[in-house]
Amino acid sequence: MPFAGAVGVPAPAVTIGMSGLIFPLWAIGAAIFLGYEFTPAEGKALGATCLVGCYSLSFQGFWHIIANPLGGVFSIIFATIPFMYAVTWLVGFMVNTFGFDGKVLGQVCLQEMVPQIIASVACWMAGGTQPMLQIDLWFYILVLFGFFLFTHGYGGKGGAYYCGLFCFLSWIATIHLQFWWSGIFDPGPFW
């Protein structure tokens, strides 16, 4: 398996990218479950977490393009995914901080599902068959759909609950990538 922790190749870029991603996933999931009204003040605070995610994921993407730590297609896949999410969190920052219509974020997330599915399948086809890695990648697809539902008001409280739930599950997946898949801990065959 040509993955970071699976072959002992450390992937510090993954650790850095995931270190920033945990903040907006947790903050937005918590805001939904704690019943935030998404006032301008709350929006600015949430926007700041989105900007942290944007910066860290951009750094990860650039690192994978420049250093090619995972070799060829894997570095490209793990540059593509963070760059997509960096744009998502940049839009999230603008929506939350400047009060733009959240439906724009929902549309960005909806269209992003297609390249995320392609990247997940490409990862599998290229040898990234570790079950937890695939589960992590598919949780991100589900959270994208949750943001679409939430920002468009589909499903009412159910849509918001779905979004919050998958923010938290994606937060757990992100911690897995940050510590196990990156090579800090041995991921083993399953992880």
N, C-alpha and C. Protein backbone atom coordinates (compact mmCIF):
# COMPACT_ATOMS: atom_id res chain seq x y z
N MET A 1 0.84 -1.18 0.00
CA MET A 1 0.00 0.00 0.00
C MET A 1 0.88 1.24 0.00
N PRO A 2 0.74 2.09 -0.95
CA PRO A 2 1.61 3.27 -1.05
C PRO A 2 1.13 4.46 -0.25
N PHE A 3 0.69 4.22 0.97
CA PHE A 3 0.21 5.32 1.77
C PHE A 3 1.14 5.62 2.92
N ALA A 4 1.05 6.82 3.36
CA ALA A 4 1.95 7.39 4.37
C ALA A 4 2.29 6.41 5.49
N GLY A 5 1.41 6.25 6.42
CA GLY A 5 1.71 5.41 7.56
C GLY A 5 1.83 3.95 7.21
N ALA A 6 1.19 3.52 6.12
CA ALA A 6 1.20 2.12 5.75
C ALA A 6 2.58 1.65 5.31
N VAL A 7 3.42 2.52 4.81
CA VAL A 7 4.76 2.13 4.38
C VAL A 7 5.83 2.91 5.12
N GLY A 8 5.43 3.58 6.19
CA GLY A 8 6.41 4.29 6.98
C GLY A 8 6.89 5.59 6.37
N VAL A 9 6.20 6.10 5.39
CA VAL A 9 6.55 7.39 4.80
C VAL A 9 5.76 8.46 5.53
N PRO A 10 6.39 9.27 6.35
CA PRO A 10 5.62 10.28 7.06
C PRO A 10 5.02 11.31 6.11
N ALA A 11 3.86 11.75 6.44
CA ALA A 11 3.18 12.75 5.61
C ALA A 11 2.82 13.95 6.48
N PRO A 12 3.81 14.79 6.80
CA PRO A 12 3.53 15.93 7.66
C PRO A 12 2.52 16.89 7.07
N ALA A 13 2.42 16.94 5.74
CA ALA A 13 1.44 17.83 5.13
C ALA A 13 0.03 17.42 5.51
N VAL A 14 -0.23 16.11 5.59
CA VAL A 14 -1.55 15.63 6.00
C VAL A 14 -1.84 16.08 7.43
N THR A 15 -0.86 15.94 8.29
CA THR A 15 -1.03 16.35 9.69
C THR A 15 -1.36 17.84 9.78
N ILE A 16 -0.64 18.65 9.03
CA ILE A 16 -0.87 20.10 9.07
C ILE A 16 -2.24 20.44 8.48
N GLY A 17 -2.58 19.85 7.35
CA GLY A 17 -3.88 20.12 6.74
C GLY A 17 -5.03 19.74 7.65
N MET A 18 -4.92 18.56 8.27
CA MET A 18 -6.00 18.09 9.14
C MET A 18 -6.05 18.88 10.45
N SER A 19 -4.90 19.39 10.89
CA SER A 19 -4.87 20.19 12.11
C SER A 19 -5.76 21.42 12.00
N GLY A 20 -5.83 22.01 10.82
CA GLY A 20 -6.70 23.17 10.63
C GLY A 20 -8.13 22.79 10.32
N LEU A 21 -8.33 21.63 9.68
CA LEU A 21 -9.68 21.22 9.28
C LEU A 21 -10.55 20.86 10.47
N ILE A 22 -9.95 20.40 11.57
CA ILE A 22 -10.77 20.01 12.71
C ILE A 22 -11.55 21.19 13.30
N PHE A 23 -11.03 22.41 13.15
CA PHE A 23 -11.70 23.57 13.76
C PHE A 23 -13.04 23.90 13.14
N PRO A 24 -13.15 24.09 11.82
CA PRO A 24 -14.47 24.42 11.29
C PRO A 24 -15.46 23.27 11.40
N LEU A 25 -14.98 22.02 11.27
CA LEU A 25 -15.91 20.89 11.40
C LEU A 25 -16.53 20.85 12.79
N TRP A 26 -15.69 21.01 13.82
CA TRP A 26 -16.20 21.00 15.19
C TRP A 26 -17.08 22.23 15.45
N ALA A 27 -16.59 23.40 15.08
CA ALA A 27 -17.30 24.64 15.39
C ALA A 27 -18.68 24.69 14.74
N ILE A 28 -18.77 24.29 13.48
CA ILE A 28 -20.06 24.35 12.80
C ILE A 28 -20.99 23.26 13.31
N GLY A 29 -20.46 22.05 13.53
CA GLY A 29 -21.29 20.99 14.11
C GLY A 29 -21.82 21.40 15.47
N ALA A 30 -20.96 21.96 16.31
CA ALA A 30 -21.39 22.40 17.64
C ALA A 30 -22.40 23.54 17.53
N ALA A 31 -22.17 24.47 16.61
CA ALA A 31 -23.10 25.59 16.45
C ALA A 31 -24.50 25.09 16.09
N ILE A 32 -24.56 24.09 15.26
CA ILE A 32 -25.86 23.53 14.87
C ILE A 32 -26.53 22.86 16.06
N PHE A 33 -25.78 22.01 16.76
CA PHE A 33 -26.39 21.27 17.88
C PHE A 33 -26.67 22.13 19.10
N LEU A 34 -25.89 23.20 19.27
CA LEU A 34 -26.13 24.09 20.41
C LEU A 34 -27.17 25.16 20.10
N GLY A 35 -27.70 25.15 18.89
CA GLY A 35 -28.78 26.06 18.54
C GLY A 35 -28.36 27.49 18.30
N TYR A 36 -27.14 27.69 17.80
CA TYR A 36 -26.72 29.05 17.46
C TYR A 36 -27.74 29.66 16.49
N GLU A 37 -27.91 30.94 16.61
CA GLU A 37 -28.81 31.65 15.70
C GLU A 37 -28.06 32.20 14.49
N PHE A 38 -26.76 31.99 14.46
CA PHE A 38 -25.90 32.47 13.39
C PHE A 38 -26.02 33.98 13.23
N THR A 39 -25.91 34.66 14.38
CA THR A 39 -25.89 36.12 14.40
C THR A 39 -24.60 36.59 13.75
N PRO A 40 -24.49 37.88 13.43
CA PRO A 40 -23.23 38.37 12.84
C PRO A 40 -22.00 38.06 13.71
N ALA A 41 -22.12 38.21 15.02
CA ALA A 41 -20.98 37.92 15.90
C ALA A 41 -20.61 36.44 15.85
N GLU A 42 -21.63 35.58 15.90
CA GLU A 42 -21.37 34.14 15.81
C GLU A 42 -20.81 33.79 14.44
N GLY A 43 -21.33 34.45 13.41
CA GLY A 43 -20.85 34.21 12.05
C GLY A 43 -19.38 34.56 11.89
N LYS A 44 -18.97 35.66 12.51
CA LYS A 44 -17.55 36.04 12.41
C LYS A 44 -16.66 35.02 13.10
N ALA A 45 -17.09 34.52 14.24
CA ALA A 45 -16.30 33.50 14.95
C ALA A 45 -16.23 32.22 14.12
N LEU A 46 -17.35 31.81 13.56
CA LEU A 46 -17.34 30.61 12.71
C LEU A 46 -16.53 30.86 11.44
N GLY A 47 -16.62 32.06 10.93
CA GLY A 47 -15.83 32.42 9.75
C GLY A 47 -14.34 32.29 10.00
N ALA A 48 -13.91 32.67 11.20
CA ALA A 48 -12.48 32.55 11.54
C ALA A 48 -12.04 31.09 11.50
N THR A 49 -12.89 30.18 11.99
CA THR A 49 -12.51 28.76 11.95
C THR A 49 -12.45 28.26 10.51
N CYS A 50 -13.34 28.77 9.68
CA CYS A 50 -13.32 28.39 8.25
C CYS A 50 -12.03 28.85 7.59
N LEU A 51 -11.57 30.04 7.96
CA LEU A 51 -10.33 30.57 7.38
C LEU A 51 -9.12 29.73 7.81
N VAL A 52 -9.12 29.26 9.05
CA VAL A 52 -8.05 28.38 9.52
C VAL A 52 -8.03 27.11 8.67
N GLY A 53 -9.20 26.53 8.43
CA GLY A 53 -9.29 25.35 7.58
C GLY A 53 -8.80 25.62 6.17
N CYS A 54 -9.16 26.76 5.62
CA CYS A 54 -8.72 27.15 4.27
C CYS A 54 -7.21 27.23 4.19
N TYR A 55 -6.60 27.89 5.15
CA TYR A 55 -5.14 28.06 5.13
C TYR A 55 -4.41 26.72 5.28
N SER A 56 -4.82 25.92 6.24
CA SER A 56 -4.10 24.66 6.49
C SER A 56 -4.25 23.70 5.31
N LEU A 57 -5.43 23.65 4.72
CA LEU A 57 -5.64 22.76 3.58
C LEU A 57 -4.90 23.26 2.34
N SER A 58 -4.82 24.56 2.17
CA SER A 58 -4.03 25.11 1.05
C SER A 58 -2.57 24.73 1.21
N PHE A 59 -2.07 24.84 2.44
CA PHE A 59 -0.69 24.46 2.72
C PHE A 59 -0.46 22.99 2.38
N GLN A 60 -1.38 22.13 2.80
CA GLN A 60 -1.27 20.71 2.51
C GLN A 60 -1.24 20.46 1.01
N GLY A 61 -2.15 21.10 0.29
CA GLY A 61 -2.20 20.91 -1.16
C GLY A 61 -0.92 21.33 -1.84
N PHE A 62 -0.40 22.50 -1.47
CA PHE A 62 0.85 22.97 -2.08
C PHE A 62 2.01 22.02 -1.74
N TRP A 63 2.05 21.56 -0.51
CA TRP A 63 3.12 20.66 -0.10
C TRP A 63 3.10 19.39 -0.95
N HIS A 64 1.91 18.83 -1.17
CA HIS A 64 1.82 17.60 -1.96
C HIS A 64 2.20 17.83 -3.42
N ILE A 65 1.90 18.99 -3.95
CA ILE A 65 2.28 19.28 -5.34
C ILE A 65 3.79 19.50 -5.45
N ILE A 66 4.36 20.26 -4.54
CA ILE A 66 5.78 20.61 -4.63
C ILE A 66 6.68 19.45 -4.21
N ALA A 67 6.41 18.82 -3.08
CA ALA A 67 7.31 17.80 -2.53
C ALA A 67 7.01 16.39 -3.03
N ASN A 68 5.79 16.14 -3.51
CA ASN A 68 5.39 14.82 -4.00
C ASN A 68 5.72 13.72 -2.97
N PRO A 69 5.31 13.89 -1.70
CA PRO A 69 5.75 12.95 -0.66
C PRO A 69 5.20 11.54 -0.80
N LEU A 70 4.05 11.39 -1.41
CA LEU A 70 3.45 10.07 -1.53
C LEU A 70 3.70 9.44 -2.89
N GLY A 71 4.29 10.19 -3.79
CA GLY A 71 4.62 9.66 -5.11
C GLY A 71 3.47 9.72 -6.09
N GLY A 72 3.67 10.43 -7.17
CA GLY A 72 2.76 10.47 -8.31
C GLY A 72 1.30 10.71 -8.00
N VAL A 73 0.48 9.71 -8.35
CA VAL A 73 -0.96 9.88 -8.30
C VAL A 73 -1.46 10.13 -6.88
N PHE A 74 -0.84 9.53 -5.87
CA PHE A 74 -1.31 9.73 -4.51
C PHE A 74 -1.09 11.16 -4.04
N SER A 75 0.03 11.74 -4.39
CA SER A 75 0.25 13.14 -4.03
C SER A 75 -0.71 14.05 -4.78
N ILE A 76 -1.04 13.69 -6.01
CA ILE A 76 -2.00 14.50 -6.77
C ILE A 76 -3.39 14.40 -6.14
N ILE A 77 -3.80 13.18 -5.79
CA ILE A 77 -5.12 13.01 -5.14
C ILE A 77 -5.16 13.80 -3.84
N PHE A 78 -4.07 13.70 -3.05
CA PHE A 78 -4.08 14.36 -1.75
C PHE A 78 -3.62 15.81 -1.83
N ALA A 79 -3.53 16.34 -3.03
CA ALA A 79 -3.45 17.78 -3.25
C ALA A 79 -4.81 18.26 -3.75
N THR A 80 -5.43 17.47 -4.61
CA THR A 80 -6.74 17.83 -5.17
C THR A 80 -7.79 18.00 -4.08
N ILE A 81 -7.89 17.02 -3.20
CA ILE A 81 -8.92 17.05 -2.16
C ILE A 81 -8.74 18.26 -1.23
N PRO A 82 -7.54 18.51 -0.69
CA PRO A 82 -7.41 19.69 0.18
C PRO A 82 -7.66 21.01 -0.54
N PHE A 83 -7.24 21.11 -1.81
CA PHE A 83 -7.51 22.36 -2.54
C PHE A 83 -9.02 22.58 -2.70
N MET A 84 -9.77 21.51 -2.98
CA MET A 84 -11.23 21.66 -3.11
C MET A 84 -11.83 22.17 -1.80
N TYR A 85 -11.40 21.57 -0.70
CA TYR A 85 -11.96 21.97 0.58
C TYR A 85 -11.45 23.33 1.04
N ALA A 86 -10.26 23.71 0.61
CA ALA A 86 -9.77 25.06 0.93
C ALA A 86 -10.71 26.10 0.32
N VAL A 87 -11.15 25.86 -0.91
CA VAL A 87 -12.10 26.77 -1.55
C VAL A 87 -13.43 26.77 -0.80
N THR A 88 -13.88 25.59 -0.40
CA THR A 88 -15.13 25.49 0.36
C THR A 88 -15.06 26.31 1.64
N TRP A 89 -13.96 26.17 2.37
CA TRP A 89 -13.83 26.91 3.62
C TRP A 89 -13.62 28.40 3.39
N LEU A 90 -13.03 28.76 2.27
CA LEU A 90 -12.92 30.18 1.93
C LEU A 90 -14.31 30.77 1.70
N VAL A 91 -15.15 30.04 0.98
CA VAL A 91 -16.54 30.49 0.78
C VAL A 91 -17.27 30.51 2.12
N GLY A 92 -17.03 29.49 2.97
CA GLY A 92 -17.63 29.48 4.30
C GLY A 92 -17.22 30.68 5.13
N PHE A 93 -15.95 31.06 5.03
CA PHE A 93 -15.46 32.26 5.71
C PHE A 93 -16.23 33.48 5.23
N MET A 94 -16.38 33.63 3.92
CA MET A 94 -17.04 34.82 3.36
C MET A 94 -18.52 34.85 3.74
N VAL A 95 -19.18 33.69 3.69
CA VAL A 95 -20.60 33.62 4.05
C VAL A 95 -20.79 34.00 5.51
N ASN A 96 -19.98 33.39 6.39
CA ASN A 96 -20.16 33.64 7.81
C ASN A 96 -19.69 35.02 8.26
N THR A 97 -18.59 35.49 7.70
CA THR A 97 -18.01 36.75 8.14
C THR A 97 -18.73 37.96 7.56
N PHE A 98 -19.06 37.88 6.29
CA PHE A 98 -19.64 39.04 5.60
C PHE A 98 -21.14 38.93 5.38
N GLY A 99 -21.75 37.84 5.84
CA GLY A 99 -23.19 37.69 5.76
C GLY A 99 -23.72 37.40 4.36
N PHE A 100 -22.87 36.83 3.49
CA PHE A 100 -23.35 36.46 2.15
C PHE A 100 -24.37 35.33 2.27
N ASP A 101 -25.14 35.15 1.23
CA ASP A 101 -26.16 34.10 1.19
C ASP A 101 -25.49 32.73 1.33
N GLY A 102 -25.91 31.96 2.33
CA GLY A 102 -25.35 30.64 2.59
C GLY A 102 -25.62 29.63 1.49
N LYS A 103 -26.61 29.93 0.64
CA LYS A 103 -26.91 29.01 -0.45
C LYS A 103 -25.74 28.87 -1.41
N VAL A 104 -24.91 29.91 -1.51
CA VAL A 104 -23.72 29.82 -2.36
C VAL A 104 -22.80 28.72 -1.83
N LEU A 105 -22.62 28.69 -0.51
CA LEU A 105 -21.81 27.64 0.11
C LEU A 105 -22.43 26.27 -0.18
N GLY A 106 -23.74 26.18 -0.06
CA GLY A 106 -24.42 24.92 -0.35
C GLY A 106 -24.22 24.46 -1.78
N GLN A 107 -24.24 25.40 -2.73
CA GLN A 107 -24.01 25.04 -4.13
C GLN A 107 -22.57 24.61 -4.36
N VAL A 108 -21.62 25.29 -3.71
CA VAL A 108 -20.22 24.89 -3.82
C VAL A 108 -20.07 23.45 -3.30
N CYS A 109 -20.70 23.15 -2.17
CA CYS A 109 -20.62 21.80 -1.60
C CYS A 109 -21.28 20.76 -2.50
N LEU A 110 -22.41 21.11 -3.07
CA LEU A 110 -23.10 20.16 -3.94
C LEU A 110 -22.25 19.80 -5.15
N GLN A 111 -21.67 20.80 -5.81
CA GLN A 111 -20.84 20.50 -6.98
C GLN A 111 -19.57 19.78 -6.59
N GLU A 112 -19.07 20.03 -5.38
CA GLU A 112 -17.82 19.42 -4.93
C GLU A 112 -17.98 17.93 -4.64
N MET A 113 -19.22 17.48 -4.47
CA MET A 113 -19.44 16.06 -4.23
C MET A 113 -18.93 15.21 -5.40
N VAL A 114 -19.11 15.68 -6.62
CA VAL A 114 -18.71 14.90 -7.79
C VAL A 114 -17.19 14.68 -7.82
N PRO A 115 -16.35 15.74 -7.75
CA PRO A 115 -14.91 15.47 -7.74
C PRO A 115 -14.45 14.71 -6.50
N GLN A 116 -15.14 14.87 -5.37
CA GLN A 116 -14.76 14.11 -4.18
C GLN A 116 -15.04 12.62 -4.39
N ILE A 117 -16.15 12.29 -5.01
CA ILE A 117 -16.45 10.88 -5.33
C ILE A 117 -15.40 10.33 -6.28
N ILE A 118 -15.06 11.10 -7.31
CA ILE A 118 -14.04 10.66 -8.27
C ILE A 118 -12.70 10.46 -7.57
N ALA A 119 -12.31 11.39 -6.70
CA ALA A 119 -11.04 11.27 -5.97
C ALA A 119 -11.05 10.05 -5.05
N SER A 120 -12.17 9.78 -4.40
CA SER A 120 -12.27 8.62 -3.51
C SER A 120 -12.14 7.32 -4.29
N VAL A 121 -12.80 7.25 -5.43
CA VAL A 121 -12.70 6.06 -6.28
C VAL A 121 -11.28 5.92 -6.84
N ALA A 122 -10.69 7.03 -7.26
CA ALA A 122 -9.32 7.00 -7.78
C ALA A 122 -8.35 6.52 -6.70
N CYS A 123 -8.55 6.95 -5.49
CA CYS A 123 -7.71 6.52 -4.38
C CYS A 123 -7.83 5.01 -4.20
N TRP A 124 -9.04 4.49 -4.25
CA TRP A 124 -9.28 3.05 -4.13
C TRP A 124 -8.58 2.30 -5.27
N MET A 125 -8.79 2.78 -6.48
CA MET A 125 -8.23 2.10 -7.65
C MET A 125 -6.70 2.13 -7.66
N ALA A 126 -6.12 3.15 -7.05
CA ALA A 126 -4.66 3.28 -7.03
C ALA A 126 -4.04 2.51 -5.87
N GLY A 127 -4.86 1.84 -5.08
CA GLY A 127 -4.33 1.02 -4.00
C GLY A 127 -4.67 1.47 -2.61
N GLY A 128 -5.39 2.55 -2.48
CA GLY A 128 -5.78 3.06 -1.16
C GLY A 128 -7.02 2.37 -0.65
N THR A 129 -6.90 1.07 -0.41
CA THR A 129 -8.06 0.26 -0.05
C THR A 129 -8.24 0.07 1.44
N GLN A 130 -7.46 0.78 2.25
CA GLN A 130 -7.65 0.67 3.69
C GLN A 130 -9.07 1.10 4.04
N PRO A 131 -9.83 0.24 4.72
CA PRO A 131 -11.24 0.57 4.98
C PRO A 131 -11.45 1.91 5.67
N MET A 132 -10.65 2.22 6.69
CA MET A 132 -10.87 3.48 7.40
C MET A 132 -10.56 4.69 6.53
N LEU A 133 -9.57 4.58 5.65
CA LEU A 133 -9.27 5.69 4.74
C LEU A 133 -10.47 5.94 3.84
N GLN A 134 -11.04 4.88 3.31
CA GLN A 134 -12.20 5.04 2.43
C GLN A 134 -13.41 5.59 3.20
N ILE A 135 -13.62 5.11 4.42
CA ILE A 135 -14.72 5.64 5.24
C ILE A 135 -14.52 7.13 5.48
N ASP A 136 -13.29 7.52 5.81
CA ASP A 136 -12.99 8.94 6.01
C ASP A 136 -13.36 9.76 4.79
N LEU A 137 -12.92 9.31 3.62
CA LEU A 137 -13.16 10.06 2.39
C LEU A 137 -14.66 10.15 2.08
N TRP A 138 -15.41 9.09 2.38
CA TRP A 138 -16.85 9.11 2.09
C TRP A 138 -17.62 9.93 3.12
N PHE A 139 -17.12 10.04 4.35
CA PHE A 139 -17.76 10.94 5.33
C PHE A 139 -17.74 12.38 4.81
N TYR A 140 -16.65 12.76 4.14
CA TYR A 140 -16.57 14.12 3.61
C TYR A 140 -17.63 14.36 2.54
N ILE A 141 -17.95 13.34 1.78
CA ILE A 141 -19.02 13.47 0.78
C ILE A 141 -20.35 13.70 1.49
N LEU A 142 -20.59 12.96 2.55
CA LEU A 142 -21.85 13.11 3.29
C LEU A 142 -21.96 14.47 3.96
N VAL A 143 -20.85 15.01 4.47
CA VAL A 143 -20.92 16.34 5.09
C VAL A 143 -21.16 17.41 4.03
N LEU A 144 -20.62 17.22 2.83
CA LEU A 144 -20.91 18.16 1.74
C LEU A 144 -22.41 18.21 1.47
N PHE A 145 -23.02 17.05 1.42
CA PHE A 145 -24.46 16.99 1.18
C PHE A 145 -25.22 17.63 2.35
N GLY A 146 -24.70 17.43 3.56
CA GLY A 146 -25.31 18.06 4.73
C GLY A 146 -25.27 19.58 4.66
N PHE A 147 -24.15 20.13 4.21
CA PHE A 147 -24.07 21.59 4.06
C PHE A 147 -25.05 22.08 3.01
N PHE A 148 -25.22 21.32 1.94
CA PHE A 148 -26.20 21.70 0.92
C PHE A 148 -27.60 21.74 1.54
N LEU A 149 -27.98 20.68 2.26
CA LEU A 149 -29.30 20.63 2.90
C LEU A 149 -29.48 21.78 3.87
N PHE A 150 -28.49 22.00 4.73
CA PHE A 150 -28.58 23.00 5.78
C PHE A 150 -28.68 24.41 5.22
N THR A 151 -27.84 24.74 4.24
CA THR A 151 -27.82 26.11 3.71
C THR A 151 -29.05 26.43 2.87
N HIS A 152 -29.69 25.39 2.35
CA HIS A 152 -30.90 25.61 1.55
C HIS A 152 -32.18 25.41 2.36
N GLY A 153 -32.04 25.01 3.61
CA GLY A 153 -33.20 24.82 4.48
C GLY A 153 -33.99 23.56 4.18
N TYR A 154 -33.41 22.64 3.41
CA TYR A 154 -34.11 21.40 3.09
C TYR A 154 -34.12 20.49 4.31
N GLY A 155 -35.25 19.93 4.58
CA GLY A 155 -35.37 19.01 5.70
C GLY A 155 -35.55 19.69 7.05
N GLY A 156 -35.60 21.02 7.07
CA GLY A 156 -35.79 21.74 8.33
C GLY A 156 -34.76 21.36 9.36
N LYS A 157 -35.22 21.03 10.57
CA LYS A 157 -34.29 20.65 11.63
C LYS A 157 -33.60 19.33 11.31
N GLY A 158 -34.25 18.48 10.53
CA GLY A 158 -33.62 17.21 10.12
C GLY A 158 -32.40 17.45 9.25
N GLY A 159 -32.50 18.40 8.32
CA GLY A 159 -31.36 18.73 7.47
C GLY A 159 -30.22 19.32 8.27
N ALA A 160 -30.58 20.17 9.24
CA ALA A 160 -29.55 20.76 10.10
C ALA A 160 -28.90 19.68 10.97
N TYR A 161 -29.72 18.78 11.52
CA TYR A 161 -29.19 17.69 12.33
C TYR A 161 -28.24 16.82 11.51
N TYR A 162 -28.64 16.48 10.29
CA TYR A 162 -27.80 15.68 9.40
C TYR A 162 -26.46 16.37 9.18
N CYS A 163 -26.50 17.66 8.90
CA CYS A 163 -25.26 18.42 8.67
C CYS A 163 -24.38 18.40 9.93
N GLY A 164 -24.96 18.67 11.08
CA GLY A 164 -24.20 18.67 12.32
C GLY A 164 -23.62 17.31 12.64
N LEU A 165 -24.41 16.26 12.43
CA LEU A 165 -23.95 14.90 12.69
C LEU A 165 -22.74 14.57 11.81
N PHE A 166 -22.82 14.89 10.53
CA PHE A 166 -21.70 14.55 9.65
C PHE A 166 -20.52 15.51 9.81
N CYS A 167 -20.75 16.70 10.34
CA CYS A 167 -19.61 17.53 10.74
C CYS A 167 -18.83 16.82 11.84
N PHE A 168 -19.55 16.28 12.84
CA PHE A 168 -18.87 15.59 13.93
C PHE A 168 -18.21 14.30 13.46
N LEU A 169 -18.88 13.52 12.62
CA LEU A 169 -18.28 12.29 12.11
C LEU A 169 -17.07 12.60 11.24
N SER A 170 -17.15 13.66 10.46
CA SER A 170 -16.00 14.07 9.65
C SER A 170 -14.88 14.60 10.52
N TRP A 171 -15.23 15.21 11.64
CA TRP A 171 -14.22 15.66 12.60
C TRP A 171 -13.43 14.45 13.13
N ILE A 172 -14.15 13.36 13.46
CA ILE A 172 -13.49 12.13 13.91
C ILE A 172 -12.63 11.56 12.78
N ALA A 173 -13.16 11.53 11.56
CA ALA A 173 -12.40 11.04 10.41
C ALA A 173 -11.13 11.88 10.21
N THR A 174 -11.25 13.16 10.40
CA THR A 174 -10.11 14.06 10.23
C THR A 174 -9.03 13.78 11.28
N ILE A 175 -9.45 13.52 12.50
CA ILE A 175 -8.48 13.16 13.54
C ILE A 175 -7.79 11.85 13.18
N HIS A 176 -8.53 10.91 12.62
CA HIS A 176 -7.92 9.66 12.16
C HIS A 176 -6.85 9.94 11.12
N LEU A 177 -7.19 10.76 10.13
CA LEU A 177 -6.20 11.09 9.10
C LEU A 177 -5.01 11.84 9.70
N GLN A 178 -5.28 12.74 10.62
CA GLN A 178 -4.24 13.57 11.23
C GLN A 178 -3.21 12.73 11.99
N PHE A 179 -3.66 11.72 12.71
CA PHE A 179 -2.74 10.98 13.57
C PHE A 179 -2.36 9.59 13.06
N TRP A 180 -3.29 8.88 12.43
CA TRP A 180 -2.98 7.52 12.00
C TRP A 180 -2.52 7.48 10.55
N TRP A 181 -3.32 8.01 9.66
CA TRP A 181 -2.96 7.89 8.25
C TRP A 181 -1.71 8.68 7.91
N SER A 182 -1.46 9.75 8.62
CA SER A 182 -0.27 10.57 8.35
C SER A 182 1.02 9.88 8.75
N GLY A 183 0.91 8.84 9.57
CA GLY A 183 2.10 8.11 9.98
C GLY A 183 2.56 8.39 11.39
N ILE A 184 1.87 9.25 12.14
CA ILE A 184 2.25 9.47 13.54
C ILE A 184 2.08 8.18 14.32
N PHE A 185 0.94 7.50 14.14
CA PHE A 185 0.70 6.18 14.70
C PHE A 185 0.61 5.19 13.56
N ASP A 186 0.97 3.95 13.81
CA ASP A 186 0.92 2.91 12.79
C ASP A 186 -0.55 2.63 12.44
N PRO A 187 -0.93 2.85 11.19
CA PRO A 187 -2.33 2.65 10.82
C PRO A 187 -2.71 1.18 10.68
N GLY A 188 -1.75 0.30 10.50
CA GLY A 188 -2.05 -1.10 10.29
C GLY A 188 -2.85 -1.31 9.02
N PRO A 189 -3.28 -2.53 8.75
CA PRO A 189 -3.97 -2.81 7.50
C PRO A 189 -5.38 -2.23 7.43
N PHE A 190 -6.02 -2.08 8.59
CA PHE A 190 -7.40 -1.60 8.62
C PHE A 190 -7.47 -0.08 8.66
N TRP A 191 -6.59 0.53 9.42
CA TRP A 191 -6.64 1.96 9.65
C TRP A 191 -6.08 2.72 8.50
